[in-house]
Amino acid sequence: MPKSLAKAEIVEIRGEDAVAFAHAQFCNDVLALSELNWQIGAWLDAQGRARCVFVLLRVEANRLLAWLPMGSAATVAADLQRFVLRAKVKVSVAQGFHLAEDEPTQIENGQVAESPEGWRFNLPGPAPRSVRVARHVEPQTLDAGALEAWRLANVMAGLPWLHESLACQFTAQALGLDRLGAASLDKGCYPGQEIVARLHFRGGNKRICVRVQGDCDTPPQPGDCVLEMEGGTVAGTILYAASCQPTGFLALAVLSNTDQTGAGLHLEGKPGASLTLQSLLDAGLP
């Protein structure tokens, strides 16, 4: 029985020019996305900073769904609409969809399967897991415990979902979008492409996405600051976190890439909550 987790924030892009429009706006290679497949993508601003990070599903030849795990579909749809101009495409919010954790399936990684009122696909994590986005007529009872476990699996997988409050703060490389194959270097022009290419070929990226473990019972919120113990200077920002049994939490954070040990880091306002860095190399991503 699927466990209902949350309302699904989805931007729908459909029409004759849907794929070409998305390819020109997003930093992932949308033209390489086959029908009934998905990929992680992002929309950057002109400075190469991520407005949003999403899972892009191509559910029909001329229909794309951008699921925003921590974003606002209404905000992104309104902003995207300003760039439509003469393109034969309609950008809208897909109403009434919910996210549910489903039983693990035999769907191949990267593929999408149609299901009643929606679609199913697998996401990386410490164990096989399947997600369903579907439209429900009746209100759903959300499973708070399942949602927390789902967030923890996202952290373990190193998926840099971006809360809407953190839009336009981090470059593609700072979020590790290049590690995910979600920031193309050879697809042609898109907003922020010059910055992505410059940081890749010339260096200069000063921040990196890492997983951190904390020993306080209350997980931090998106946007909470990570401070250095000595001097109290800001060392980075929490993307999102989840409780980790028996105590403590795991979180993804964007930190200065000059500090590889994490020694002396703590959360703002909680000097006793020390942080330990973990590698994302074992995140289990495809």
Protein backbone atom coordinates (compact mmCIF):
# COMPACT_ATOMS: atom_id res chain seq x y z
CA MET A 1 0.00 0.00 0.00
CA PRO A 2 1.56 3.35 -1.03
CA LYS A 3 2.39 5.74 1.83
CA SER A 4 1.25 9.29 1.09
CA LEU A 5 4.11 11.69 1.82
CA ALA A 6 3.26 15.20 0.65
CA LYS A 7 1.64 17.36 -1.96
CA ALA A 8 3.64 17.10 -5.19
CA GLU A 9 4.78 20.47 -6.54
CA ILE A 10 4.84 19.95 -10.31
CA VAL A 11 5.31 22.33 -13.24
CA GLU A 12 3.83 21.05 -16.49
CA ILE A 13 5.40 22.07 -19.81
CA ARG A 14 3.51 20.91 -22.86
CA GLY A 15 3.14 21.77 -26.52
CA GLU A 16 4.91 21.43 -29.85
CA ASP A 17 7.99 23.30 -28.56
CA ALA A 18 7.97 21.91 -25.00
CA VAL A 19 11.21 19.93 -25.24
CA ALA A 20 13.09 22.62 -27.18
CA PHE A 21 11.91 25.30 -24.72
CA ALA A 22 12.98 23.27 -21.67
CA HIS A 23 16.30 22.40 -23.32
CA ALA A 24 17.04 26.10 -23.86
CA GLN A 25 16.16 27.03 -20.26
CA PHE A 26 17.41 24.16 -18.10
CA CYS A 27 21.02 23.14 -17.54
CA ASN A 28 20.35 19.41 -18.05
CA ASP A 29 20.32 17.87 -21.54
CA VAL A 30 16.58 17.68 -22.16
CA LEU A 31 16.99 16.61 -25.79
CA ALA A 32 18.67 13.43 -24.52
CA LEU A 33 15.62 12.56 -22.41
CA SER A 34 13.55 9.84 -24.07
CA GLU A 35 9.81 9.46 -23.62
CA LEU A 36 8.87 7.76 -20.32
CA ASN A 37 12.25 8.52 -18.78
CA TRP A 38 13.42 10.99 -16.13
CA GLN A 39 16.55 12.92 -15.19
CA ILE A 40 17.60 15.36 -12.50
CA GLY A 41 17.75 18.93 -13.73
CA ALA A 42 17.91 22.55 -12.64
CA TRP A 43 17.06 26.02 -13.84
CA LEU A 44 19.86 28.53 -13.29
CA ASP A 45 19.91 32.30 -13.31
CA ALA A 46 22.32 34.33 -15.44
CA GLN A 47 24.98 34.14 -12.68
CA GLY A 48 24.91 30.33 -12.78
CA ARG A 49 23.04 29.98 -9.47
CA ALA A 50 20.20 27.49 -9.18
CA ARG A 51 16.69 28.90 -9.11
CA CYS A 52 15.36 25.37 -8.50
CA VAL A 53 16.36 21.70 -8.68
CA PHE A 54 13.87 19.12 -9.92
CA VAL A 55 13.17 15.70 -11.35
CA LEU A 56 12.15 16.10 -15.00
CA LEU A 57 9.81 13.43 -16.38
CA ARG A 58 9.06 13.15 -20.08
CA VAL A 59 5.65 11.50 -19.85
CA GLU A 60 4.69 12.11 -23.48
CA ALA A 61 6.57 13.23 -26.58
CA ASN A 62 5.53 16.87 -26.06
CA ARG A 63 4.76 16.85 -22.35
CA LEU A 64 7.23 17.34 -19.50
CA LEU A 65 6.65 17.36 -15.76
CA ALA A 66 9.17 19.08 -13.48
CA TRP A 67 8.65 17.76 -9.95
CA LEU A 68 10.11 20.12 -7.35
CA PRO A 69 10.77 18.12 -4.16
CA MET A 70 11.31 21.31 -2.11
CA GLY A 71 10.26 24.10 -4.43
CA SER A 72 7.14 26.06 -5.33
CA ALA A 73 5.49 25.08 -8.61
CA ALA A 74 3.49 28.32 -8.72
CA THR A 75 6.62 30.46 -8.43
CA VAL A 76 8.64 28.50 -10.99
CA ALA A 77 5.76 28.30 -13.48
CA ALA A 78 5.18 32.06 -13.27
CA ASP A 79 8.88 32.79 -13.76
CA LEU A 80 9.22 30.35 -16.66
CA GLN A 81 6.17 31.78 -18.40
CA ARG A 82 8.00 35.08 -18.89
CA PHE A 83 10.44 33.32 -21.25
CA VAL A 84 7.88 31.58 -23.46
CA LEU A 85 7.55 34.50 -25.91
CA ARG A 86 6.52 32.98 -29.27
CA ALA A 87 7.26 29.36 -28.44
CA LYS A 88 4.39 26.94 -28.92
CA VAL A 89 4.36 25.83 -25.31
CA LYS A 90 2.13 26.11 -22.28
CA VAL A 91 3.60 26.32 -18.78
CA SER A 92 1.26 25.62 -15.87
CA VAL A 93 1.01 24.14 -12.39
CA ALA A 94 -0.13 20.50 -12.41
CA GLN A 95 -2.88 20.59 -9.81
CA GLY A 96 -3.95 17.88 -7.38
CA PHE A 97 -0.88 15.62 -7.48
CA HIS A 98 0.55 13.92 -4.38
CA LEU A 99 3.81 12.15 -3.70
CA ALA A 100 3.67 8.60 -2.35
CA GLU A 101 6.27 6.00 -1.45
CA ASP A 102 5.41 2.84 -3.34
CA GLU A 103 6.56 -0.75 -3.15
CA PRO A 104 9.94 -1.29 -4.88
CA THR A 105 9.42 -2.10 -8.55
CA GLN A 106 11.35 -3.68 -11.38
CA ILE A 107 11.41 -0.39 -13.29
CA GLU A 108 14.85 0.29 -14.73
CA ASN A 109 16.72 3.26 -13.28
CA GLY A 110 15.85 6.36 -15.24
CA GLN A 111 12.60 4.96 -16.60
CA VAL A 112 9.03 6.07 -15.84
CA ALA A 113 6.04 3.71 -15.71
CA GLU A 114 2.45 4.85 -16.04
CA SER A 115 0.21 4.04 -13.08
CA PRO A 116 -3.41 4.87 -12.19
CA GLU A 117 -3.75 8.66 -12.27
CA GLY A 118 0.01 9.21 -12.49
CA TRP A 119 3.51 7.79 -12.87
CA ARG A 120 6.03 5.67 -10.96
CA PHE A 121 9.82 5.67 -11.00
CA ASN A 122 12.76 4.70 -8.80
CA LEU A 123 15.05 7.05 -6.93
CA PRO A 124 18.52 6.31 -5.54
CA GLY A 125 18.94 5.69 -1.83
CA PRO A 126 20.47 3.34 0.75
CA ALA A 127 17.84 0.75 -0.28
CA PRO A 128 15.68 0.32 -3.41
CA ARG A 129 12.73 2.70 -3.35
CA SER A 130 9.97 3.68 -5.70
CA VAL A 131 8.01 6.92 -5.86
CA ARG A 132 4.56 7.58 -7.30
CA VAL A 133 3.22 10.97 -8.32
CA ALA A 134 -0.51 10.70 -8.87
CA ARG A 135 -3.64 12.81 -8.85
CA HIS A 136 -6.07 11.98 -6.05
CA VAL A 137 -9.69 13.03 -5.89
CA GLU A 138 -10.00 12.52 -2.14
CA PRO A 139 -7.73 14.26 0.42
CA GLN A 140 -4.86 12.05 1.49
CA THR A 141 -3.74 11.32 5.06
CA LEU A 142 -0.04 12.10 5.09
CA ASP A 143 2.39 9.74 6.83
CA ALA A 144 4.76 12.01 8.78
CA GLY A 145 7.04 9.15 9.83
CA ALA A 146 7.36 7.89 6.27
CA LEU A 147 8.12 11.41 5.05
CA GLU A 148 10.97 11.79 7.57
CA ALA A 149 12.40 8.43 6.50
CA TRP A 150 12.07 9.54 2.88
CA ARG A 151 14.02 12.73 3.59
CA LEU A 152 16.71 10.69 5.30
CA ALA A 153 17.02 8.47 2.20
CA ASN A 154 17.35 11.61 0.07
CA VAL A 155 20.16 12.87 2.30
CA MET A 156 21.90 9.49 2.15
CA ALA A 157 21.64 9.56 -1.65
CA GLY A 158 23.14 13.05 -1.77
CA LEU A 159 20.22 14.57 -3.69
CA PRO A 160 20.66 18.36 -3.45
CA TRP A 161 17.01 19.39 -3.37
CA LEU A 162 16.73 23.14 -3.05
CA HIS A 163 14.16 24.77 -0.77
CA GLU A 164 12.46 27.75 -2.40
CA SER A 165 13.93 30.07 0.25
CA LEU A 166 17.43 29.19 -1.03
CA ALA A 167 16.78 30.01 -4.70
CA CYS A 168 19.65 31.75 -6.54
CA GLN A 169 22.21 31.25 -3.76
CA PHE A 170 24.36 28.36 -5.01
CA THR A 171 26.10 27.58 -8.29
CA ALA A 172 25.56 24.29 -10.07
CA GLN A 173 28.97 23.05 -8.93
CA ALA A 174 28.36 24.07 -5.31
CA LEU A 175 25.27 21.84 -5.33
CA GLY A 176 27.09 19.00 -7.07
CA LEU A 177 24.81 19.09 -10.13
CA ASP A 178 27.81 18.21 -12.30
CA ARG A 179 28.31 15.07 -10.15
CA LEU A 180 24.72 14.12 -10.94
CA GLY A 181 25.09 14.72 -14.66
CA ALA A 182 22.51 17.50 -14.34
CA ALA A 183 24.69 20.38 -15.61
CA SER A 184 25.68 19.85 -19.24
CA LEU A 185 28.91 21.25 -20.64
CA ASP A 186 28.22 20.57 -24.31
CA LYS A 187 24.48 21.03 -24.94
CA GLY A 188 24.74 24.65 -26.06
CA CYS A 189 23.56 27.88 -24.50
CA TYR A 190 21.28 28.15 -21.47
CA PRO A 191 21.05 30.64 -18.59
CA GLY A 192 24.24 30.44 -16.50
CA GLN A 193 26.06 28.22 -19.03
CA GLU A 194 29.15 30.45 -19.14
CA ILE A 195 29.56 30.26 -15.37
CA VAL A 196 29.14 26.47 -15.35
CA ALA A 197 31.77 26.10 -18.07
CA ARG A 198 34.18 28.58 -16.48
CA LEU A 199 34.08 26.85 -13.08
CA HIS A 200 34.59 23.47 -14.75
CA PHE A 201 37.46 24.36 -17.08
CA ARG A 202 39.17 27.17 -15.17
CA GLY A 203 38.35 26.25 -11.58
CA GLY A 204 37.42 28.73 -8.92
CA ASN A 205 34.51 26.92 -7.30
CA LYS A 206 34.73 27.76 -3.60
CA ARG A 207 31.87 25.67 -2.22
CA ILE A 208 30.86 22.03 -2.24
CA CYS A 209 27.83 19.96 -1.24
CA VAL A 210 28.57 17.55 1.61
CA ARG A 211 26.67 15.32 4.01
CA VAL A 212 26.98 16.20 7.68
CA GLN A 213 25.96 14.39 10.84
CA GLY A 214 24.88 16.28 13.93
CA ASP A 215 24.29 15.14 17.50
CA CYS A 216 21.29 17.29 18.48
CA ASP A 217 17.76 15.89 18.48
CA THR A 218 16.12 18.69 16.49
CA PRO A 219 17.18 18.73 12.82
CA PRO A 220 18.14 22.13 11.39
CA GLN A 221 15.95 23.91 8.85
CA PRO A 222 16.84 24.81 5.24
CA GLY A 223 18.98 27.93 5.30
CA ASP A 224 20.36 27.46 8.82
CA CYS A 225 23.97 28.59 9.06
CA VAL A 226 26.98 26.42 9.79
CA LEU A 227 29.60 28.32 11.80
CA GLU A 228 33.25 27.85 12.60
CA MET A 229 33.87 27.28 16.30
CA GLU A 230 36.71 29.79 16.39
CA GLY A 231 35.53 33.25 15.47
CA GLY A 232 31.97 32.25 14.67
CA THR A 233 32.36 33.01 10.95
CA VAL A 234 29.88 31.47 8.52
CA ALA A 235 31.25 28.28 6.95
CA GLY A 236 28.18 27.19 5.01
CA THR A 237 24.44 26.60 4.78
CA ILE A 238 22.13 23.67 5.49
CA LEU A 239 20.09 22.56 2.44
CA TYR A 240 17.80 20.19 4.36
CA ALA A 241 18.00 17.61 7.14
CA ALA A 242 16.26 14.56 8.60
CA SER A 243 16.26 12.81 11.96
CA CYS A 244 18.60 9.86 12.26
CA GLN A 245 17.99 7.17 14.86
CA PRO A 246 18.76 6.65 17.66
CA THR A 247 19.65 10.35 18.09
CA GLY A 248 20.87 13.19 15.97
CA PHE A 249 20.36 14.06 12.33
CA LEU A 250 21.86 13.84 8.87
CA ALA A 251 21.83 16.81 6.52
CA LEU A 252 23.13 18.06 3.21
CA ALA A 253 25.02 21.32 3.45
CA VAL A 254 26.95 23.60 1.14
CA LEU A 255 30.31 24.39 2.77
CA SER A 256 33.58 26.01 1.83
CA ASN A 257 35.64 23.46 -0.06
CA THR A 258 38.76 24.55 1.82
CA ASP A 259 37.64 22.72 4.95
CA GLN A 260 37.69 18.99 4.24
CA THR A 261 37.65 17.80 7.86
CA GLY A 262 34.69 19.61 9.37
CA ALA A 263 36.61 20.04 12.61
CA GLY A 264 35.21 22.85 14.73
CA LEU A 265 31.96 23.31 12.81
CA HIS A 266 28.61 23.72 14.55
CA LEU A 267 25.11 25.03 13.91
CA GLU A 268 24.35 28.68 14.53
CA GLY A 269 22.76 29.09 17.95
CA LYS A 270 23.79 25.57 18.99
CA PRO A 271 27.53 25.69 19.79
CA GLY A 272 27.26 22.31 21.51
CA ALA A 273 25.93 20.62 18.37
CA SER A 274 29.11 19.57 16.62
CA LEU A 275 29.06 18.40 13.02
CA THR A 276 30.90 15.54 11.34
CA LEU A 277 31.46 15.48 7.58
CA GLN A 278 30.66 12.39 5.51
CA SER A 279 31.65 11.63 1.94
CA LEU A 280 29.07 11.64 -0.84
CA LEU A 281 31.13 9.19 -2.87
CA ASP A 282 29.16 6.30 -1.35
CA ALA A 283 25.77 7.91 -1.99
CA GLY A 284 24.70 5.15 -4.35
CA LEU A 285 23.84 7.39 -7.28
CA PRO A 286 23.53 5.90 -10.75
